[in-house]
Amino acid sequence: MKVYIDDTICKGCGICIHNCPKKVIRFSSVQNRKGFTTAEVFQIENCIGCKLCEIGCPDFAIYVIKETLEPAEVKE
C-alpha cells in the first residue's frame, strides 16, 4: 500500500487519523506553509488498504494506492 497525503491541501482536521483502524496516520511534528499541523503516514506496514482515510477526508488531501507486483517473466 501507498498512502499519500498532500500537505499543501491538508488542514490538519484529524479525520483520517480518527478513521484509521490500524493507526497508520498521525499528526506531523511540523506545520505546512499555511500554518496547519498536517497528517503524516506512520507505520505504513500496518495499512490494510481500507481507504477510510481517503473516504473521510473533506479536502481530498489523501489517497491510497495499492501497489501491484510485476508479473513474473515466463520462461520457455
PDB file of N, CA and C in Angstrom:
ATOM      1  N   MET A   1       0.831  -1.183   0.000  1.00  0.00           N
ATOM      2  CA  MET A   1       0.000   0.000   0.000  1.00  0.00           C
ATOM      3  C   MET A   1       0.877   1.249   0.000  1.00  0.00           C
ATOM      4  N   LYS A   2       0.370   2.260  -0.617  1.00  0.00           N
ATOM      5  CA  LYS A   2       0.971   3.585  -0.555  1.00  0.00           C
ATOM      6  C   LYS A   2      -0.127   4.543  -0.124  1.00  0.00           C
ATOM      7  N   VAL A   3       0.163   5.333   0.875  1.00  0.00           N
ATOM      8  CA  VAL A   3      -0.768   6.355   1.333  1.00  0.00           C
ATOM      9  C   VAL A   3      -0.098   7.700   1.111  1.00  0.00           C
ATOM     10  N   TYR A   4      -0.729   8.542   0.322  1.00  0.00           N
ATOM     11  CA  TYR A   4      -0.179   9.856   0.010  1.00  0.00           C
ATOM     12  C   TYR A   4      -1.025  10.934   0.678  1.00  0.00           C
ATOM     13  N   ILE A   5      -0.369  11.858   1.346  1.00  0.00           N
ATOM     14  CA  ILE A   5      -1.040  12.999   1.953  1.00  0.00           C
ATOM     15  C   ILE A   5      -0.429  14.249   1.348  1.00  0.00           C
ATOM     16  N   ASP A   6      -1.252  15.054   0.718  1.00  0.00           N
ATOM     17  CA  ASP A   6      -0.790  16.307   0.123  1.00  0.00           C
ATOM     18  C   ASP A   6      -0.791  17.362   1.222  1.00  0.00           C
ATOM     19  N   ASP A   7       0.374  17.670   1.744  1.00  0.00           N
ATOM     20  CA  ASP A   7       0.446  18.596   2.873  1.00  0.00           C
ATOM     21  C   ASP A   7       0.185  20.046   2.476  1.00  0.00           C
ATOM     22  N   THR A   8       0.075  20.311   1.175  1.00  0.00           N
ATOM     23  CA  THR A   8      -0.306  21.665   0.763  1.00  0.00           C
ATOM     24  C   THR A   8      -1.819  21.851   0.831  1.00  0.00           C
ATOM     25  N   ILE A   9      -2.550  20.741   0.876  1.00  0.00           N
ATOM     26  CA  ILE A   9      -4.008  20.781   0.946  1.00  0.00           C
ATOM     27  C   ILE A   9      -4.504  20.459   2.361  1.00  0.00           C
ATOM     28  N   CYS A  10      -3.824  19.566   3.046  1.00  0.00           N
ATOM     29  CA  CYS A  10      -4.246  19.106   4.369  1.00  0.00           C
ATOM     30  C   CYS A  10      -4.324  20.273   5.346  1.00  0.00           C
ATOM     31  N   LYS A  11      -5.437  20.342   6.084  1.00  0.00           N
ATOM     32  CA  LYS A  11      -5.598  21.396   7.076  1.00  0.00           C
ATOM     33  C   LYS A  11      -5.505  20.860   8.510  1.00  0.00           C
ATOM     34  N   GLY A  12      -5.151  19.581   8.647  1.00  0.00           N
ATOM     35  CA  GLY A  12      -4.923  19.012   9.975  1.00  0.00           C
ATOM     36  C   GLY A  12      -6.169  18.768  10.786  1.00  0.00           C
ATOM     37  N   CYS A  13      -7.270  18.432  10.137  1.00  0.00           N
ATOM     38  CA  CYS A  13      -8.525  18.221  10.866  1.00  0.00           C
ATOM     39  C   CYS A  13      -8.498  16.942  11.704  1.00  0.00           C
ATOM     40  N   GLY A  14      -7.680  15.956  11.301  1.00  0.00           N
ATOM     41  CA  GLY A  14      -7.535  14.715  12.063  1.00  0.00           C
ATOM     42  C   GLY A  14      -8.562  13.640  11.765  1.00  0.00           C
ATOM     43  N   ILE A  15      -9.442  13.869  10.817  1.00  0.00           N
ATOM     44  CA  ILE A  15     -10.455  12.865  10.491  1.00  0.00           C
ATOM     45  C   ILE A  15      -9.806  11.571  10.018  1.00  0.00           C
ATOM     46  N   CYS A  16      -8.770  11.678   9.190  1.00  0.00           N
ATOM     47  CA  CYS A  16      -8.089  10.474   8.697  1.00  0.00           C
ATOM     48  C   CYS A  16      -7.448   9.701   9.846  1.00  0.00           C
ATOM     49  N   ILE A  17      -6.908  10.420  10.802  1.00  0.00           N
ATOM     50  CA  ILE A  17      -6.278   9.785  11.963  1.00  0.00           C
ATOM     51  C   ILE A  17      -7.327   9.045  12.779  1.00  0.00           C
ATOM     52  N   HIS A  18      -8.442   9.683  12.983  1.00  0.00           N
ATOM     53  CA  HIS A  18      -9.535   9.079  13.755  1.00  0.00           C
ATOM     54  C   HIS A  18     -10.136   7.868  13.035  1.00  0.00           C
ATOM     55  N   ASN A  19     -10.248   7.947  11.699  1.00  0.00           N
ATOM     56  CA  ASN A  19     -10.884   6.877  10.926  1.00  0.00           C
ATOM     57  C   ASN A  19     -10.009   5.650  10.721  1.00  0.00           C
ATOM     58  N   CYS A  20      -8.710   5.778  10.834  1.00  0.00           N
ATOM     59  CA  CYS A  20      -7.812   4.664  10.526  1.00  0.00           C
ATOM     60  C   CYS A  20      -7.876   3.583  11.606  1.00  0.00           C
ATOM     61  N   PRO A  21      -8.336   2.376  11.239  1.00  0.00           N
ATOM     62  CA  PRO A  21      -8.441   1.312  12.242  1.00  0.00           C
ATOM     63  C   PRO A  21      -7.087   0.745  12.673  1.00  0.00           C
ATOM     64  N   LYS A  22      -6.050   0.974  11.891  1.00  0.00           N
ATOM     65  CA  LYS A  22      -4.726   0.421  12.192  1.00  0.00           C
ATOM     66  C   LYS A  22      -3.723   1.469  12.660  1.00  0.00           C
ATOM     67  N   LYS A  23      -4.171   2.702  12.849  1.00  0.00           N
ATOM     68  CA  LYS A  23      -3.315   3.789  13.352  1.00  0.00           C
ATOM     69  C   LYS A  23      -2.078   3.999  12.472  1.00  0.00           C
ATOM     70  N   VAL A  24      -2.307   4.058  11.169  1.00  0.00           N
ATOM     71  CA  VAL A  24      -1.234   4.237  10.198  1.00  0.00           C
ATOM     72  C   VAL A  24      -0.891   5.723  10.011  1.00  0.00           C
ATOM     73  N   ILE A  25      -1.784   6.599  10.446  1.00  0.00           N
ATOM     74  CA  ILE A  25      -1.607   8.041  10.248  1.00  0.00           C
ATOM     75  C   ILE A  25      -1.563   8.735  11.601  1.00  0.00           C
ATOM     76  N   ARG A  26      -0.744   9.764  11.686  1.00  0.00           N
ATOM     77  CA  ARG A  26      -0.649  10.562  12.912  1.00  0.00           C
ATOM     78  C   ARG A  26      -0.425  12.025  12.519  1.00  0.00           C
ATOM     79  N   PHE A  27      -0.452  12.904  13.512  1.00  0.00           N
ATOM     80  CA  PHE A  27      -0.137  14.304  13.246  1.00  0.00           C
ATOM     81  C   PHE A  27       1.364  14.460  13.074  1.00  0.00           C
ATOM     82  N   SER A  28       1.739  15.287  12.133  1.00  0.00           N
ATOM     83  CA  SER A  28       3.140  15.582  11.877  1.00  0.00           C
ATOM     84  C   SER A  28       3.692  16.473  12.980  1.00  0.00           C
ATOM     85  N   SER A  29       4.991  16.503  13.092  1.00  0.00           N
ATOM     86  CA  SER A  29       5.625  17.373  14.084  1.00  0.00           C
ATOM     87  C   SER A  29       5.939  18.755  13.506  1.00  0.00           C
ATOM     88  N   VAL A  30       5.647  18.960  12.230  1.00  0.00           N
ATOM     89  CA  VAL A  30       5.904  20.245  11.571  1.00  0.00           C
ATOM     90  C   VAL A  30       4.608  20.792  10.981  1.00  0.00           C
ATOM     91  N   GLN A  31       4.605  22.063  10.705  1.00  0.00           N
ATOM     92  CA  GLN A  31       3.452  22.709  10.096  1.00  0.00           C
ATOM     93  C   GLN A  31       3.713  22.946   8.614  1.00  0.00           C
ATOM     94  N   ASN A  32       2.630  22.969   7.843  1.00  0.00           N
ATOM     95  CA  ASN A  32       2.781  23.289   6.427  1.00  0.00           C
ATOM     96  C   ASN A  32       2.887  24.805   6.270  1.00  0.00           C
ATOM     97  N   ARG A  33       3.009  25.273   5.053  1.00  0.00           N
ATOM     98  CA  ARG A  33       3.228  26.702   4.841  1.00  0.00           C
ATOM     99  C   ARG A  33       2.012  27.557   5.180  1.00  0.00           C
ATOM    100  N   LYS A  34       0.857  26.906   5.347  1.00  0.00           N
ATOM    101  CA  LYS A  34      -0.348  27.627   5.762  1.00  0.00           C
ATOM    102  C   LYS A  34      -0.483  27.684   7.284  1.00  0.00           C
ATOM    103  N   GLY A  35       0.428  27.006   7.975  1.00  0.00           N
ATOM    104  CA  GLY A  35       0.413  27.011   9.434  1.00  0.00           C
ATOM    105  C   GLY A  35      -0.369  25.883  10.077  1.00  0.00           C
ATOM    106  N   PHE A  36      -0.802  24.900   9.283  1.00  0.00           N
ATOM    107  CA  PHE A  36      -1.544  23.764   9.814  1.00  0.00           C
ATOM    108  C   PHE A  36      -0.596  22.623  10.171  1.00  0.00           C
ATOM    109  N   THR A  37      -0.856  21.969  11.288  1.00  0.00           N
ATOM    110  CA  THR A  37      -0.145  20.744  11.629  1.00  0.00           C
ATOM    111  C   THR A  37      -0.854  19.627  10.885  1.00  0.00           C
ATOM    112  N   THR A  38      -0.233  19.122   9.855  1.00  0.00           N
ATOM    113  CA  THR A  38      -0.878  18.172   8.958  1.00  0.00           C
ATOM    114  C   THR A  38      -0.706  16.729   9.421  1.00  0.00           C
ATOM    115  N   ALA A  39      -1.392  15.847   8.735  1.00  0.00           N
ATOM    116  CA  ALA A  39      -1.266  14.417   8.995  1.00  0.00           C
ATOM    117  C   ALA A  39      -0.056  13.878   8.245  1.00  0.00           C
ATOM    118  N   GLU A  40       0.481  12.774   8.746  1.00  0.00           N
ATOM    119  CA  GLU A  40       1.577  12.098   8.060  1.00  0.00           C
ATOM    120  C   GLU A  40       1.411  10.599   8.196  1.00  0.00           C
ATOM    121  N   VAL A  41       1.989   9.881   7.260  1.00  0.00           N
ATOM    122  CA  VAL A  41       1.938   8.421   7.269  1.00  0.00           C
ATOM    123  C   VAL A  41       2.930   7.904   8.299  1.00  0.00           C
ATOM    124  N   PHE A  42       2.482   6.917   9.071  1.00  0.00           N
ATOM    125  CA  PHE A  42       3.267   6.337  10.153  1.00  0.00           C
ATOM    126  C   PHE A  42       2.945   4.852  10.188  1.00  0.00           C
ATOM    127  N   GLN A  43       3.917   4.019  10.230  1.00  0.00           N
ATOM    128  CA  GLN A  43       3.723   2.562  10.275  1.00  0.00           C
ATOM    129  C   GLN A  43       2.912   2.053   9.078  1.00  0.00           C
ATOM    130  N   ILE A  44       3.359   2.403   7.870  1.00  0.00           N
ATOM    131  CA  ILE A  44       2.657   2.010   6.654  1.00  0.00           C
ATOM    132  C   ILE A  44       2.531   0.492   6.516  1.00  0.00           C
ATOM    133  N   GLU A  45       3.413  -0.237   7.132  1.00  0.00           N
ATOM    134  CA  GLU A  45       3.348  -1.699   7.048  1.00  0.00           C
ATOM    135  C   GLU A  45       2.070  -2.266   7.664  1.00  0.00           C
ATOM    136  N   ASN A  46       1.376  -1.485   8.484  1.00  0.00           N
ATOM    137  CA  ASN A  46       0.123  -1.921   9.103  1.00  0.00           C
ATOM    138  C   ASN A  46      -1.105  -1.591   8.265  1.00  0.00           C
ATOM    139  N   CYS A  47      -0.932  -0.857   7.175  1.00  0.00           N
ATOM    140  CA  CYS A  47      -2.061  -0.434   6.349  1.00  0.00           C
ATOM    141  C   CYS A  47      -2.746  -1.643   5.710  1.00  0.00           C
ATOM    142  N   ILE A  48      -4.078  -1.681   5.811  1.00  0.00           N
ATOM    143  CA  ILE A  48      -4.847  -2.780   5.220  1.00  0.00           C
ATOM    144  C   ILE A  48      -5.582  -2.349   3.945  1.00  0.00           C
ATOM    145  N   GLY A  49      -5.400  -1.098   3.546  1.00  0.00           N
ATOM    146  CA  GLY A  49      -5.998  -0.619   2.297  1.00  0.00           C
ATOM    147  C   GLY A  49      -7.489  -0.384   2.356  1.00  0.00           C
ATOM    148  N   CYS A  50      -8.035  -0.107   3.520  1.00  0.00           N
ATOM    149  CA  CYS A  50      -9.482   0.092   3.656  1.00  0.00           C
ATOM    150  C   CYS A  50      -9.960   1.414   3.067  1.00  0.00           C
ATOM    151  N   LYS A  51      -9.063   2.362   2.909  1.00  0.00           N
ATOM    152  CA  LYS A  51      -9.332   3.685   2.339  1.00  0.00           C
ATOM    153  C   LYS A  51     -10.275   4.546   3.177  1.00  0.00           C
ATOM    154  N   LEU A  52     -10.456   4.215   4.452  1.00  0.00           N
ATOM    155  CA  LEU A  52     -11.302   5.046   5.300  1.00  0.00           C
ATOM    156  C   LEU A  52     -10.716   6.442   5.476  1.00  0.00           C
ATOM    157  N   CYS A  53      -9.403   6.545   5.422  1.00  0.00           N
ATOM    158  CA  CYS A  53      -8.762   7.857   5.493  1.00  0.00           C
ATOM    159  C   CYS A  53      -9.106   8.686   4.264  1.00  0.00           C
ATOM    160  N   GLU A  54      -9.007   8.069   3.112  1.00  0.00           N
ATOM    161  CA  GLU A  54      -9.292   8.739   1.842  1.00  0.00           C
ATOM    162  C   GLU A  54     -10.764   9.141   1.742  1.00  0.00           C
ATOM    163  N   ILE A  55     -11.642   8.237   2.106  1.00  0.00           N
ATOM    164  CA  ILE A  55     -13.082   8.482   2.020  1.00  0.00           C
ATOM    165  C   ILE A  55     -13.512   9.611   2.952  1.00  0.00           C
ATOM    166  N   GLY A  56     -12.909   9.673   4.135  1.00  0.00           N
ATOM    167  CA  GLY A  56     -13.320  10.655   5.126  1.00  0.00           C
ATOM    168  C   GLY A  56     -12.715  12.033   4.973  1.00  0.00           C
ATOM    169  N   CYS A  57     -11.694  12.179   4.150  1.00  0.00           N
ATOM    170  CA  CYS A  57     -11.001  13.469   4.036  1.00  0.00           C
ATOM    171  C   CYS A  57     -11.894  14.496   3.336  1.00  0.00           C
ATOM    172  N   PRO A  58     -12.268  15.579   4.032  1.00  0.00           N
ATOM    173  CA  PRO A  58     -13.151  16.572   3.421  1.00  0.00           C
ATOM    174  C   PRO A  58     -12.464  17.422   2.350  1.00  0.00           C
ATOM    175  N   ASP A  59     -11.140  17.405   2.312  1.00  0.00           N
ATOM    176  CA  ASP A  59     -10.396  18.233   1.370  1.00  0.00           C
ATOM    177  C   ASP A  59      -9.717  17.439   0.263  1.00  0.00           C
ATOM    178  N   PHE A  60      -9.951  16.129   0.214  1.00  0.00           N
ATOM    179  CA  PHE A  60      -9.349  15.259  -0.802  1.00  0.00           C
ATOM    180  C   PHE A  60      -7.827  15.377  -0.806  1.00  0.00           C
ATOM    181  N   ALA A  61      -7.261  15.440   0.388  1.00  0.00           N
ATOM    182  CA  ALA A  61      -5.811  15.615   0.526  1.00  0.00           C
ATOM    183  C   ALA A  61      -5.085  14.290   0.689  1.00  0.00           C
ATOM    184  N   ILE A  62      -5.812  13.201   0.756  1.00  0.00           N
ATOM    185  CA  ILE A  62      -5.182  11.900   0.997  1.00  0.00           C
ATOM    186  C   ILE A  62      -5.754  10.871   0.033  1.00  0.00           C
ATOM    187  N   TYR A  63      -4.868  10.005  -0.446  1.00  0.00           N
ATOM    188  CA  TYR A  63      -5.336   8.914  -1.278  1.00  0.00           C
ATOM    189  C   TYR A  63      -4.452   7.691  -1.080  1.00  0.00           C
ATOM    190  N   VAL A  64      -5.067   6.540  -1.313  1.00  0.00           N
ATOM    191  CA  VAL A  64      -4.420   5.254  -1.085  1.00  0.00           C
ATOM    192  C   VAL A  64      -4.297   4.534  -2.414  1.00  0.00           C
ATOM    193  N   ILE A  65      -3.122   4.012  -2.673  1.00  0.00           N
ATOM    194  CA  ILE A  65      -2.875   3.258  -3.900  1.00  0.00           C
ATOM    195  C   ILE A  65      -2.346   1.880  -3.520  1.00  0.00           C
ATOM    196  N   LYS A  66      -2.973   0.868  -4.066  1.00  0.00           N
ATOM    197  CA  LYS A  66      -2.479  -0.490  -3.863  1.00  0.00           C
ATOM    198  C   LYS A  66      -1.348  -0.721  -4.848  1.00  0.00           C
ATOM    199  N   GLU A  67      -0.228  -1.155  -4.338  1.00  0.00           N
ATOM    200  CA  GLU A  67       0.907  -1.454  -5.204  1.00  0.00           C
ATOM    201  C   GLU A  67       0.664  -2.785  -5.876  1.00  0.00           C
ATOM    202  N   THR A  68       0.983  -2.853  -7.150  1.00  0.00           N
ATOM    203  CA  THR A  68       0.828  -4.101  -7.873  1.00  0.00           C
ATOM    204  C   THR A  68       2.208  -4.661  -8.167  1.00  0.00           C
ATOM    205  N   LEU A  69       2.309  -5.932  -8.092  1.00  0.00           N
ATOM    206  CA  LEU A  69       3.574  -6.603  -8.392  1.00  0.00           C
ATOM    207  C   LEU A  69       3.652  -6.861  -9.891  1.00  0.00           C
ATOM    208  N   GLU A  70       4.812  -6.703 -10.423  1.00  0.00           N
ATOM    209  CA  GLU A  70       5.019  -7.007 -11.826  1.00  0.00           C
ATOM    210  C   GLU A  70       4.892  -8.510 -12.018  1.00  0.00           C
ATOM    211  N   PRO A  71       4.216  -8.942 -13.078  1.00  0.00           N
ATOM    212  CA  PRO A  71       4.092 -10.386 -13.308  1.00  0.00           C
ATOM    213  C   PRO A  71       5.477 -10.997 -13.572  1.00  0.00           C
ATOM    214  N   ALA A  72       5.654 -12.168 -13.059  1.00  0.00           N
ATOM    215  CA  ALA A  72       6.925 -12.860 -13.244  1.00  0.00           C
ATOM    216  C   ALA A  72       7.101 -13.205 -14.729  1.00  0.00           C
ATOM    217  N   GLU A  73       8.328 -13.132 -15.165  1.00  0.00           N
ATOM    218  CA  GLU A  73       8.618 -13.459 -16.546  1.00  0.00           C
ATOM    219  C   GLU A  73       8.437 -14.966 -16.751  1.00  0.00           C
ATOM    220  N   VAL A  74       7.804 -15.311 -17.831  1.00  0.00           N
ATOM    221  CA  VAL A  74       7.564 -16.714 -18.152  1.00  0.00           C
ATOM    222  C   VAL A  74       8.774 -17.238 -18.909  1.00  0.00           C
ATOM    223  N   LYS A  75       9.350 -18.321 -18.391  1.00  0.00           N
ATOM    224  CA  LYS A  75      10.496 -18.927 -19.072  1.00  0.00           C
ATOM    225  C   LYS A  75      10.011 -20.063 -19.946  1.00  0.00           C
ATOM    226  N   GLU A  76      10.503 -20.066 -21.161  1.00  0.00           N
ATOM    227  CA  GLU A  76      10.071 -21.122 -22.091  1.00  0.00           C
ATOM    228  C   GLU A  76      11.092 -22.205 -22.197  1.00  0.00           C
TER     229      GLU A  76
END
